[in-house]
Structures are given as structure tokens and as C-alpha cells.
């Protein structure tokens, strides 16, 4: 089952994001079995201000665990996190 996780950074948290980014990227690599897509939201100056993740897990609880274990979340970077069940229709990989 697919879930989309959207996060919004706290205002003016650019330094916190930069400090945690190496650990965050390592975490994403460790989650490659469930992580289908990931990337930052950008402001008008192309600064990272949030994130989007698509995960393939069995339940919303597992998606929440993924989000809560992200070093960004553990460092208190996010002002909000939204998790929604999602059906991938266009561009989805063929089922084999």
C-alpha cells in the first residue's frame, strides 16, 4: 500500500536542515526497500522548506514510523507532517 508523506519545515530552519541533511540522506538510503520517491519542496529562492516521500508499506502506522525515524523529524525540523494513503495510477511500475 502506498502512502504520501508531506512535511513542512519550521520557519527559518535552513541551518537545522543543512546540519541534519547527511544523516537524513543516509536514512533514506537505508529505507530503499520501501521508499519509492523523495524530494524537497522549494521556496521562491530554491531553498528547501519541506519534503515529500512516497513509501510502500502495509499500514499507516508503518508510514508514520518511517516519518518519525527520519533524522529531520528527530531533530525537530518539521512544523507539520501529513500522511495520506495514495493509489499510484499514472506512471506506476508494471506489476510483475
C-alpha atoms as a PDB file:
ATOM      1  CA  UNK A   1       0.000   0.000   0.000  1.00  0.00           C
ATOM      2  CA  UNK A   2       1.327   3.417  -0.910  1.00  0.00           C
ATOM      3  CA  UNK A   3       1.415   6.440   1.375  1.00  0.00           C
ATOM      4  CA  UNK A   4       2.456  10.005   0.629  1.00  0.00           C
ATOM      5  CA  UNK A   5       4.158  11.853   3.470  1.00  0.00           C
ATOM      6  CA  UNK A   6       4.330  15.647   3.221  1.00  0.00           C
ATOM      7  CA  UNK A   7       6.306  17.717   5.687  1.00  0.00           C
ATOM      8  CA  UNK A   8       6.693  21.438   6.198  1.00  0.00           C
ATOM      9  CA  UNK A   9       9.817  22.865   7.815  1.00  0.00           C
ATOM     10  CA  UNK A  10       9.600  25.281  10.694  1.00  0.00           C
ATOM     11  CA  UNK A  11      10.194  28.886   9.590  1.00  0.00           C
ATOM     12  CA  UNK A  12      13.830  29.870   9.095  1.00  0.00           C
ATOM     13  CA  UNK A  13      15.085  26.329   9.748  1.00  0.00           C
ATOM     14  CA  UNK A  14      17.598  26.312   6.884  1.00  0.00           C
ATOM     15  CA  UNK A  15      20.606  25.777   9.187  1.00  0.00           C
ATOM     16  CA  UNK A  16      18.928  22.901  11.043  1.00  0.00           C
ATOM     17  CA  UNK A  17      18.038  21.230   7.744  1.00  0.00           C
ATOM     18  CA  UNK A  18      21.593  21.634   6.444  1.00  0.00           C
ATOM     19  CA  UNK A  19      23.092  20.201   9.641  1.00  0.00           C
ATOM     20  CA  UNK A  20      20.832  17.118   9.548  1.00  0.00           C
ATOM     21  CA  UNK A  21      20.896  16.535   5.792  1.00  0.00           C
ATOM     22  CA  UNK A  22      23.761  13.974   5.696  1.00  0.00           C
ATOM     23  CA  UNK A  23      22.055  11.804   8.329  1.00  0.00           C
ATOM     24  CA  UNK A  24      18.709  12.246   6.550  1.00  0.00           C
ATOM     25  CA  UNK A  25      20.170  11.084   3.222  1.00  0.00           C
ATOM     26  CA  UNK A  26      21.811   8.072   4.905  1.00  0.00           C
ATOM     27  CA  UNK A  27      18.441   7.196   6.460  1.00  0.00           C
ATOM     28  CA  UNK A  28      16.720   7.372   3.074  1.00  0.00           C
ATOM     29  CA  UNK A  29      19.326   5.025   1.583  1.00  0.00           C
ATOM     30  CA  UNK A  30      18.681   2.570   4.430  1.00  0.00           C
ATOM     31  CA  UNK A  31      14.952   2.676   3.601  1.00  0.00           C
ATOM     32  CA  UNK A  32      15.354   1.885  -0.104  1.00  0.00           C
ATOM     33  CA  UNK A  33      13.196  -1.260   0.183  1.00  0.00           C
ATOM     34  CA  UNK A  34      10.109   0.842   1.000  1.00  0.00           C
ATOM     35  CA  UNK A  35      10.963   4.311  -0.342  1.00  0.00           C
ATOM     36  CA  UNK A  36       9.639   4.859  -3.869  1.00  0.00           C
ATOM     37  CA  UNK A  37      10.283   8.596  -4.249  1.00  0.00           C
ATOM     38  CA  UNK A  38      11.540  11.509  -2.177  1.00  0.00           C
ATOM     39  CA  UNK A  39      12.448  15.125  -2.615  1.00  0.00           C
ATOM     40  CA  UNK A  40      12.294  18.584  -1.085  1.00  0.00           C
ATOM     41  CA  UNK A  41       9.755  21.353  -1.532  1.00  0.00           C
ATOM     42  CA  UNK A  42      11.406  24.641  -2.513  1.00  0.00           C
ATOM     43  CA  UNK A  43      10.630  28.287  -1.850  1.00  0.00           C
ATOM     44  CA  UNK A  44      10.956  31.106  -4.410  1.00  0.00           C
ATOM     45  CA  UNK A  45      14.717  31.258  -3.772  1.00  0.00           C
ATOM     46  CA  UNK A  46      15.056  27.473  -4.298  1.00  0.00           C
ATOM     47  CA  UNK A  47      15.738  26.848  -0.600  1.00  0.00           C
ATOM     48  CA  UNK A  48      14.443  23.570   0.803  1.00  0.00           C
ATOM     49  CA  UNK A  49      11.393  24.156   3.024  1.00  0.00           C
ATOM     50  CA  UNK A  50       9.786  20.722   3.357  1.00  0.00           C
ATOM     51  CA  UNK A  51       9.789  17.211   1.973  1.00  0.00           C
ATOM     52  CA  UNK A  52       7.666  14.711   0.102  1.00  0.00           C
ATOM     53  CA  UNK A  53       8.071  10.951   0.418  1.00  0.00           C
ATOM     54  CA  UNK A  54       6.203   8.080  -1.220  1.00  0.00           C
ATOM     55  CA  UNK A  55       6.518   4.820   0.684  1.00  0.00           C
ATOM     56  CA  UNK A  56       5.201   1.314   0.054  1.00  0.00           C
ATOM     57  CA  UNK A  57       4.281  -0.172   3.438  1.00  0.00           C
ATOM     58  CA  UNK A  58       1.490  -2.310   4.870  1.00  0.00           C
ATOM     59  CA  UNK A  59      -0.135   0.318   7.078  1.00  0.00           C
ATOM     60  CA  UNK A  60      -0.352   3.972   8.022  1.00  0.00           C
ATOM     61  CA  UNK A  61       1.382   3.062  11.294  1.00  0.00           C
ATOM     62  CA  UNK A  62       4.426   1.876   9.316  1.00  0.00           C
ATOM     63  CA  UNK A  63       4.396   5.076   7.238  1.00  0.00           C
ATOM     64  CA  UNK A  64       4.263   7.084  10.479  1.00  0.00           C
ATOM     65  CA  UNK A  65       7.233   5.112  11.874  1.00  0.00           C
ATOM     66  CA  UNK A  66       9.180   5.882   8.708  1.00  0.00           C
ATOM     67  CA  UNK A  67       8.411   9.594   9.112  1.00  0.00           C
ATOM     68  CA  UNK A  68       9.147   9.694  12.852  1.00  0.00           C
ATOM     69  CA  UNK A  69      12.510   7.938  12.459  1.00  0.00           C
ATOM     70  CA  UNK A  70      13.780  10.414   9.863  1.00  0.00           C
ATOM     71  CA  UNK A  71      16.670  12.403  11.377  1.00  0.00           C
ATOM     72  CA  UNK A  72      14.929  15.586  10.209  1.00  0.00           C
ATOM     73  CA  UNK A  73      11.891  14.701  12.334  1.00  0.00           C
ATOM     74  CA  UNK A  74      14.006  13.635  15.308  1.00  0.00           C
ATOM     75  CA  UNK A  75      15.827  16.988  15.179  1.00  0.00           C
ATOM     76  CA  UNK A  76      12.526  18.887  15.287  1.00  0.00           C
ATOM     77  CA  UNK A  77      12.793  20.344  11.769  1.00  0.00           C
ATOM     78  CA  UNK A  78       9.150  19.919  10.781  1.00  0.00           C
ATOM     79  CA  UNK A  79       6.248  22.131  11.797  1.00  0.00           C
ATOM     80  CA  UNK A  80       3.799  19.636  10.291  1.00  0.00           C
ATOM     81  CA  UNK A  81       3.647  16.156   8.826  1.00  0.00           C
ATOM     82  CA  UNK A  82       0.728  14.804   6.804  1.00  0.00           C
ATOM     83  CA  UNK A  83       0.356  11.142   5.842  1.00  0.00           C
ATOM     84  CA  UNK A  84      -2.202  10.033   3.259  1.00  0.00           C
ATOM     85  CA  UNK A  85      -2.984   6.715   1.632  1.00  0.00           C
ATOM     86  CA  UNK A  86      -2.373   7.025  -2.101  1.00  0.00           C
ATOM     87  CA  UNK A  87      -3.120   4.999  -5.217  1.00  0.00           C
ATOM     88  CA  UNK A  88      -0.454   5.220  -7.923  1.00  0.00           C
ATOM     89  CA  UNK A  89      -2.181   5.211 -11.320  1.00  0.00           C
ATOM     90  CA  UNK A  90      -0.226   7.185 -13.931  1.00  0.00           C
ATOM     91  CA  UNK A  91       3.424   6.225 -14.291  1.00  0.00           C
ATOM     92  CA  UNK A  92       3.173   3.344 -11.840  1.00  0.00           C
ATOM     93  CA  UNK A  93       5.607   0.478 -12.389  1.00  0.00           C
ATOM     94  CA  UNK A  94       4.064  -2.570 -14.048  1.00  0.00           C
ATOM     95  CA  UNK A  95       3.021  -5.316 -11.655  1.00  0.00           C
ATOM     96  CA  UNK A  96       5.072  -8.409 -12.241  1.00  0.00           C
END
